[in-house]
PDB file of N, CA and C in Angstrom:
ATOM      1  N   UNK A   1      19.178  -4.145  -1.018  1.00  0.00           N
ATOM      2  CA  UNK A   1      18.343  -3.674  -0.187  1.00  0.00           C
ATOM      3  C   UNK A   1      16.736  -3.485  -1.504  1.00  0.00           C
ATOM      4  N   UNK A   2      15.803  -3.790  -1.003  1.00  0.00           N
ATOM      5  CA  UNK A   2      14.738  -4.050  -1.651  1.00  0.00           C
ATOM      6  C   UNK A   2      13.372  -2.999  -1.058  1.00  0.00           C
ATOM      7  N   UNK A   3      12.957  -2.484  -2.020  1.00  0.00           N
ATOM      8  CA  UNK A   3      12.086  -1.727  -1.768  1.00  0.00           C
ATOM      9  C   UNK A   3      10.300  -2.408  -2.438  1.00  0.00           C
ATOM     10  N   UNK A   4       9.555  -2.131  -1.171  1.00  0.00           N
ATOM     11  CA  UNK A   4       7.713  -2.514  -2.008  1.00  0.00           C
ATOM     12  C   UNK A   4       7.196  -1.388  -1.641  1.00  0.00           C
ATOM     13  N   UNK A   5       6.340  -1.061  -2.091  1.00  0.00           N
ATOM     14  CA  UNK A   5       5.091  -0.022  -1.761  1.00  0.00           C
ATOM     15  C   UNK A   5       4.081  -0.300  -2.230  1.00  0.00           C
ATOM     16  N   UNK A   6       3.362  -0.659  -1.280  1.00  0.00           N
ATOM     17  CA  UNK A   6       1.639  -1.234  -1.525  1.00  0.00           C
ATOM     18  C   UNK A   6       0.596   0.316  -1.874  1.00  0.00           C
ATOM     19  N   UNK A   7       0.278   0.702  -2.712  1.00  0.00           N
ATOM     20  CA  UNK A   7      -0.353   1.901  -3.017  1.00  0.00           C
ATOM     21  C   UNK A   7      -1.745   1.602  -2.066  1.00  0.00           C
ATOM     22  N   UNK A   8      -2.425   0.374  -2.108  1.00  0.00           N
ATOM     23  CA  UNK A   8      -3.918  -0.007  -1.111  1.00  0.00           C
ATOM     24  C   UNK A   8      -3.694   1.011  -0.051  1.00  0.00           C
ATOM     25  N   UNK A   9      -2.618   0.284   0.788  1.00  0.00           N
ATOM     26  CA  UNK A   9      -2.556   1.039   2.341  1.00  0.00           C
ATOM     27  C   UNK A   9      -1.650   2.276   2.505  1.00  0.00           C
ATOM     28  N   UNK A  10      -0.954   2.894   1.137  1.00  0.00           N
ATOM     29  CA  UNK A  10      -0.064   3.802   1.305  1.00  0.00           C
ATOM     30  C   UNK A  10       1.109   3.797   2.004  1.00  0.00           C
ATOM     31  N   UNK A  11       1.918   2.252   1.791  1.00  0.00           N
ATOM     32  CA  UNK A  11       2.908   2.021   2.630  1.00  0.00           C
ATOM     33  C   UNK A  11       4.495   1.851   2.106  1.00  0.00           C
ATOM     34  N   UNK A  12       5.136   1.964   2.094  1.00  0.00           N
ATOM     35  CA  UNK A  12       6.613   1.856   1.723  1.00  0.00           C
ATOM     36  C   UNK A  12       7.605   0.720   2.752  1.00  0.00           C
ATOM     37  N   UNK A  13       7.811   0.073   2.336  1.00  0.00           N
ATOM     38  CA  UNK A  13       8.978  -0.925   2.885  1.00  0.00           C
ATOM     39  C   UNK A  13      10.388  -0.642   2.661  1.00  0.00           C
ATOM     40  N   UNK A  14      11.456  -0.775   3.200  1.00  0.00           N
ATOM     41  CA  UNK A  14      12.912  -0.618   2.673  1.00  0.00           C
ATOM     42  C   UNK A  14      13.451  -1.929   3.308  1.00  0.00           C
ATOM     43  N   UNK A  15      13.577  -2.914   2.969  1.00  0.00           N
ATOM     44  CA  UNK A  15      14.521  -4.081   3.416  1.00  0.00           C
ATOM     45  C   UNK A  15      15.871  -3.967   3.081  1.00  0.00           C
ATOM     46  N   UNK A  16      16.921  -3.907   4.133  1.00  0.00           N
ATOM     47  CA  UNK A  16      18.141  -4.259   4.045  1.00  0.00           C
ATOM     48  C   UNK A  16      18.424  -5.338   3.854  1.00  0.00           C
ATOM     49  N   UNK A  17      17.753  -6.325   5.145  1.00  0.00           N
ATOM     50  CA  UNK A  17      18.101  -7.660   5.709  1.00  0.00           C
ATOM     51  C   UNK A  17      16.868  -8.629   5.446  1.00  0.00           C
ATOM     52  N   UNK A  18      16.461  -9.596   5.086  1.00  0.00           N
ATOM     53  CA  UNK A  18      15.330 -10.591   5.221  1.00  0.00           C
ATOM     54  C   UNK A  18      15.867 -11.600   6.075  1.00  0.00           C
ATOM     55  N   UNK A  19      14.981 -11.210   7.459  1.00  0.00           N
ATOM     56  CA  UNK A  19      15.485 -11.751   8.921  1.00  0.00           C
ATOM     57  C   UNK A  19      14.287 -11.719   9.738  1.00  0.00           C
ATOM     58  N   UNK A  20      14.778 -12.471  10.591  1.00  0.00           N
ATOM     59  CA  UNK A  20      13.733 -11.956  11.847  1.00  0.00           C
ATOM     60  C   UNK A  20      13.703 -10.809  12.374  1.00  0.00           C
ATOM     61  N   UNK A  21      12.708  -9.899  12.744  1.00  0.00           N
ATOM     62  CA  UNK A  21      12.798  -8.805  13.775  1.00  0.00           C
ATOM     63  C   UNK A  21      12.346  -8.189  14.977  1.00  0.00           C
ATOM     64  N   UNK A  22      12.746  -7.265  15.025  1.00  0.00           N
ATOM     65  CA  UNK A  22      11.682  -6.810  16.665  1.00  0.00           C
ATOM     66  C   UNK A  22      11.844  -5.258  15.802  1.00  0.00           C
ATOM     67  N   UNK A  23      10.580  -4.948  16.167  1.00  0.00           N
ATOM     68  CA  UNK A  23      10.049  -3.363  15.474  1.00  0.00           C
ATOM     69  C   UNK A  23      10.232  -2.327  16.518  1.00  0.00           C
ATOM     70  N   UNK A  24      10.456  -1.361  16.687  1.00  0.00           N
ATOM     71  CA  UNK A  24      10.476   0.025  17.059  1.00  0.00           C
ATOM     72  C   UNK A  24       9.847   0.985  16.666  1.00  0.00           C
ATOM     73  N   UNK A  25       9.158   1.386  17.391  1.00  0.00           N
ATOM     74  CA  UNK A  25       7.822   2.492  16.754  1.00  0.00           C
ATOM     75  C   UNK A  25       9.051   4.013  17.009  1.00  0.00           C
ATOM     76  N   UNK A  26       9.288   4.700  15.814  1.00  0.00           N
ATOM     77  CA  UNK A  26      10.051   5.701  15.916  1.00  0.00           C
ATOM     78  C   UNK A  26       9.162   6.766  16.297  1.00  0.00           C
ATOM     79  N   UNK A  27       7.930   7.026  14.962  1.00  0.00           N
ATOM     80  CA  UNK A  27       6.937   7.981  15.615  1.00  0.00           C
ATOM     81  C   UNK A  27       6.207   7.599  14.822  1.00  0.00           C
ATOM     82  N   UNK A  28       5.142   8.042  14.713  1.00  0.00           N
ATOM     83  CA  UNK A  28       3.341   7.820  14.154  1.00  0.00           C
ATOM     84  C   UNK A  28       3.668   7.246  12.511  1.00  0.00           C
ATOM     85  N   UNK A  29       3.584   6.479  12.286  1.00  0.00           N
ATOM     86  CA  UNK A  29       3.616   6.013  10.841  1.00  0.00           C
ATOM     87  C   UNK A  29       5.112   6.031  10.235  1.00  0.00           C
ATOM     88  N   UNK A  30       5.986   5.373  11.691  1.00  0.00           N
ATOM     89  CA  UNK A  30       7.443   5.257  11.117  1.00  0.00           C
ATOM     90  C   UNK A  30       7.651   4.467  11.763  1.00  0.00           C
ATOM     91  N   UNK A  31       8.659   3.008  11.368  1.00  0.00           N
ATOM     92  CA  UNK A  31       8.592   1.727  12.158  1.00  0.00           C
ATOM     93  C   UNK A  31       9.816   1.586  12.107  1.00  0.00           C
ATOM     94  N   UNK A  32      10.823   1.200  12.705  1.00  0.00           N
ATOM     95  CA  UNK A  32      12.397   0.739  12.190  1.00  0.00           C
ATOM     96  C   UNK A  32      12.364  -0.647  12.819  1.00  0.00           C
ATOM     97  N   UNK A  33      12.520  -1.637  11.955  1.00  0.00           N
ATOM     98  CA  UNK A  33      13.174  -3.104  12.409  1.00  0.00           C
ATOM     99  C   UNK A  33      14.706  -3.186  12.541  1.00  0.00           C
ATOM    100  N   UNK A  34      14.596  -3.935  13.495  1.00  0.00           N
ATOM    101  CA  UNK A  34      15.947  -4.636  13.767  1.00  0.00           C
ATOM    102  C   UNK A  34      16.473  -5.824  13.914  1.00  0.00           C
ATOM    103  N   UNK A  35      17.587  -6.560  13.370  1.00  0.00           N
ATOM    104  CA  UNK A  35      17.764  -7.753  13.412  1.00  0.00           C
ATOM    105  C   UNK A  35      18.087  -8.298  15.051  1.00  0.00           C
ATOM    106  N   UNK A  36      18.657 -10.012  15.402  1.00  0.00           N
ATOM    107  CA  UNK A  36      19.135  -9.674  16.755  1.00  0.00           C
ATOM    108  C   UNK A  36      20.143  -9.579  17.137  1.00  0.00           C
ATOM    109  N   UNK A  37      21.074  -8.741  16.266  1.00  0.00           N
ATOM    110  CA  UNK A  37      22.300  -8.269  16.394  1.00  0.00           C
ATOM    111  C   UNK A  37      22.046  -6.633  16.709  1.00  0.00           C
ATOM    112  N   UNK A  38      20.902  -6.126  16.575  1.00  0.00           N
ATOM    113  CA  UNK A  38      20.555  -5.112  16.870  1.00  0.00           C
ATOM    114  C   UNK A  38      21.021  -4.198  15.584  1.00  0.00           C
ATOM    115  N   UNK A  39      21.209  -4.556  14.266  1.00  0.00           N
ATOM    116  CA  UNK A  39      20.999  -3.999  12.980  1.00  0.00           C
ATOM    117  C   UNK A  39      20.528  -3.541  12.766  1.00  0.00           C
ATOM    118  N   UNK A  40      20.066  -2.195  11.634  1.00  0.00           N
ATOM    119  CA  UNK A  40      19.035  -2.156  10.909  1.00  0.00           C
ATOM    120  C   UNK A  40      18.317  -3.151   9.965  1.00  0.00           C
ATOM    121  N   UNK A  41      17.264  -3.305  10.235  1.00  0.00           N
ATOM    122  CA  UNK A  41      16.884  -4.783   8.782  1.00  0.00           C
ATOM    123  C   UNK A  41      15.754  -4.095   8.102  1.00  0.00           C
ATOM    124  N   UNK A  42      15.121  -2.654   8.477  1.00  0.00           N
ATOM    125  CA  UNK A  42      13.966  -2.661   7.522  1.00  0.00           C
ATOM    126  C   UNK A  42      13.529  -1.612   7.988  1.00  0.00           C
ATOM    127  N   UNK A  43      12.510  -0.575   7.239  1.00  0.00           N
ATOM    128  CA  UNK A  43      11.881   0.621   7.818  1.00  0.00           C
ATOM    129  C   UNK A  43      10.604   0.713   6.918  1.00  0.00           C
ATOM    130  N   UNK A  44       9.482   0.592   7.802  1.00  0.00           N
ATOM    131  CA  UNK A  44       8.468   1.162   7.695  1.00  0.00           C
ATOM    132  C   UNK A  44       8.030   2.241   7.336  1.00  0.00           C
ATOM    133  N   UNK A  45       7.257   2.617   6.269  1.00  0.00           N
ATOM    134  CA  UNK A  45       6.641   4.213   6.524  1.00  0.00           C
ATOM    135  C   UNK A  45       5.308   3.867   5.997  1.00  0.00           C
ATOM    136  N   UNK A  46       4.588   4.577   6.916  1.00  0.00           N
ATOM    137  CA  UNK A  46       3.228   4.475   6.681  1.00  0.00           C
ATOM    138  C   UNK A  46       2.605   6.305   5.816  1.00  0.00           C
ATOM    139  N   UNK A  47       1.728   6.462   5.314  1.00  0.00           N
ATOM    140  CA  UNK A  47       1.231   7.469   4.343  1.00  0.00           C
ATOM    141  C   UNK A  47       2.420   7.845   3.951  1.00  0.00           C
ATOM    142  N   UNK A  48       2.924   6.980   2.877  1.00  0.00           N
ATOM    143  CA  UNK A  48       4.514   7.556   2.116  1.00  0.00           C
ATOM    144  C   UNK A  48       4.131   8.461   1.387  1.00  0.00           C
ATOM    145  N   UNK A  49       2.923   8.482   0.736  1.00  0.00           N
ATOM    146  CA  UNK A  49       2.879   9.599  -0.113  1.00  0.00           C
ATOM    147  C   UNK A  49       2.932  11.189   0.170  1.00  0.00           C
ATOM    148  N   UNK A  50       2.738  11.212   1.708  1.00  0.00           N
ATOM    149  CA  UNK A  50       2.951  12.326   2.139  1.00  0.00           C
ATOM    150  C   UNK A  50       4.251  12.662   2.677  1.00  0.00           C
ATOM    151  N   UNK A  51       4.768  11.579   2.943  1.00  0.00           N
ATOM    152  CA  UNK A  51       6.002  11.644   3.664  1.00  0.00           C
ATOM    153  C   UNK A  51       6.931  11.804   2.548  1.00  0.00           C
ATOM    154  N   UNK A  52       7.154  10.977   1.520  1.00  0.00           N
ATOM    155  CA  UNK A  52       8.058  10.767   0.553  1.00  0.00           C
ATOM    156  C   UNK A  52       8.314  12.112  -0.593  1.00  0.00           C
ATOM    157  N   UNK A  53       9.392  12.855  -0.578  1.00  0.00           N
ATOM    158  CA  UNK A  53       9.543  13.918  -1.767  1.00  0.00           C
ATOM    159  C   UNK A  53       9.121  13.584  -3.289  1.00  0.00           C
ATOM    160  N   UNK A  54       9.822  12.357  -3.261  1.00  0.00           N
ATOM    161  CA  UNK A  54      10.220  11.928  -4.794  1.00  0.00           C
ATOM    162  C   UNK A  54       9.069  10.738  -5.132  1.00  0.00           C
ATOM    163  N   UNK A  55       7.869  11.625  -5.372  1.00  0.00           N
ATOM    164  CA  UNK A  55       6.971  10.550  -5.607  1.00  0.00           C
ATOM    165  C   UNK A  55       6.891  10.037  -6.878  1.00  0.00           C
ATOM    166  N   UNK A  56       7.786  10.080  -7.752  1.00  0.00           N
ATOM    167  CA  UNK A  56       8.038   9.248  -9.043  1.00  0.00           C
ATOM    168  C   UNK A  56       8.901   8.191  -8.767  1.00  0.00           C
ATOM    169  N   UNK A  57       9.562   7.850  -7.661  1.00  0.00           N
ATOM    170  CA  UNK A  57       9.880   6.577  -7.085  1.00  0.00           C
ATOM    171  C   UNK A  57       8.853   5.815  -6.481  1.00  0.00           C
ATOM    172  N   UNK A  58       8.038   6.315  -6.045  1.00  0.00           N
ATOM    173  CA  UNK A  58       6.541   5.584  -5.592  1.00  0.00           C
ATOM    174  C   UNK A  58       6.012   4.745  -6.703  1.00  0.00           C
ATOM    175  N   UNK A  59       5.625   5.659  -7.727  1.00  0.00           N
ATOM    176  CA  UNK A  59       5.071   5.263  -9.185  1.00  0.00           C
ATOM    177  C   UNK A  59       5.995   3.576  -9.324  1.00  0.00           C
ATOM    178  N   UNK A  60       7.387   4.207  -9.356  1.00  0.00           N
ATOM    179  CA  UNK A  60       7.910   2.824  -9.971  1.00  0.00           C
ATOM    180  C   UNK A  60       8.269   2.194  -9.230  1.00  0.00           C
ATOM    181  N   UNK A  61       7.946   1.817  -7.562  1.00  0.00           N
ATOM    182  CA  UNK A  61       8.303   0.804  -6.616  1.00  0.00           C
ATOM    183  C   UNK A  61       6.999  -0.133  -6.980  1.00  0.00           C
ATOM    184  N   UNK A  62       6.809  -1.126  -7.151  1.00  0.00           N
ATOM    185  CA  UNK A  62       5.510  -2.088  -7.457  1.00  0.00           C
ATOM    186  C   UNK A  62       5.911  -2.915  -6.008  1.00  0.00           C
ATOM    187  N   UNK A  63       4.654  -3.711  -5.633  1.00  0.00           N
ATOM    188  CA  UNK A  63       4.249  -4.235  -4.082  1.00  0.00           C
ATOM    189  C   UNK A  63       5.061  -5.978  -4.739  1.00  0.00           C
ATOM    190  N   UNK A  64       5.859  -5.718  -5.922  1.00  0.00           N
ATOM    191  CA  UNK A  64       7.092  -6.790  -5.989  1.00  0.00           C
ATOM    192  C   UNK A  64       8.006  -7.144  -4.757  1.00  0.00           C
ATOM    193  N   UNK A  65       8.367  -7.744  -4.439  1.00  0.00           N
ATOM    194  CA  UNK A  65      10.182  -7.655  -3.385  1.00  0.00           C
ATOM    195  C   UNK A  65      11.183  -7.331  -4.571  1.00  0.00           C
ATOM    196  N   UNK A  66      10.876  -7.806  -5.830  1.00  0.00           N
ATOM    197  CA  UNK A  66      11.891  -7.674  -6.484  1.00  0.00           C
ATOM    198  C   UNK A  66      11.987  -6.391  -7.633  1.00  0.00           C
ATOM    199  N   UNK A  67      10.866  -5.265  -7.077  1.00  0.00           N
ATOM    200  CA  UNK A  67      11.009  -4.281  -7.681  1.00  0.00           C
ATOM    201  C   UNK A  67      11.943  -2.894  -8.153  1.00  0.00           C
ATOM    202  N   UNK A  68      12.932  -2.890  -6.893  1.00  0.00           N
ATOM    203  CA  UNK A  68      13.933  -2.337  -6.738  1.00  0.00           C
ATOM    204  C   UNK A  68      14.752  -3.123  -6.298  1.00  0.00           C
ATOM    205  N   UNK A  69      15.304  -3.780  -6.597  1.00  0.00           N
ATOM    206  CA  UNK A  69      16.583  -4.572  -6.068  1.00  0.00           C
ATOM    207  C   UNK A  69      17.860  -4.381  -6.609  1.00  0.00           C
ATOM    208  N   UNK A  70      18.536  -4.013  -5.581  1.00  0.00           N
ATOM    209  CA  UNK A  70      19.729  -3.008  -6.041  1.00  0.00           C
ATOM    210  C   UNK A  70      20.991  -4.164  -5.424  1.00  0.00           C
ATOM    211  N   UNK A  71      21.312  -4.580  -6.483  1.00  0.00           N
ATOM    212  CA  UNK A  71      22.107  -5.725  -6.091  1.00  0.00           C
ATOM    213  C   UNK A  71      23.618  -5.012  -6.204  1.00  0.00           C
ATOM    214  N   UNK A  72      23.638  -4.017  -6.125  1.00  0.00           N
ATOM    215  CA  UNK A  72      25.021  -3.521  -5.982  1.00  0.00           C
ATOM    216  C   UNK A  72      25.558  -2.814  -4.430  1.00  0.00           C
ATOM    217  N   UNK A  73      24.122  -3.136  -3.931  1.00  0.00           N
ATOM    218  CA  UNK A  73      24.461  -2.189  -2.490  1.00  0.00           C
ATOM    219  C   UNK A  73      24.995  -3.494  -1.466  1.00  0.00           C
TER     220      UNK A  73
END
């Protein structure tokens, strides 16, 4: 799992699988990405600072894909 946060646009992306995806918009500002087998591949959260309770997590997550690489997942 990899997490990226872009402070400029306040967007958080949680990537489970690096693959081609189809996006389904769950609600305004939240989108789910699915792979070809219809497995969840990623989650995009816009206006993340307003939606995420743990603000410290956003501050620790950088724009780099390797920022929160959890190799034990």
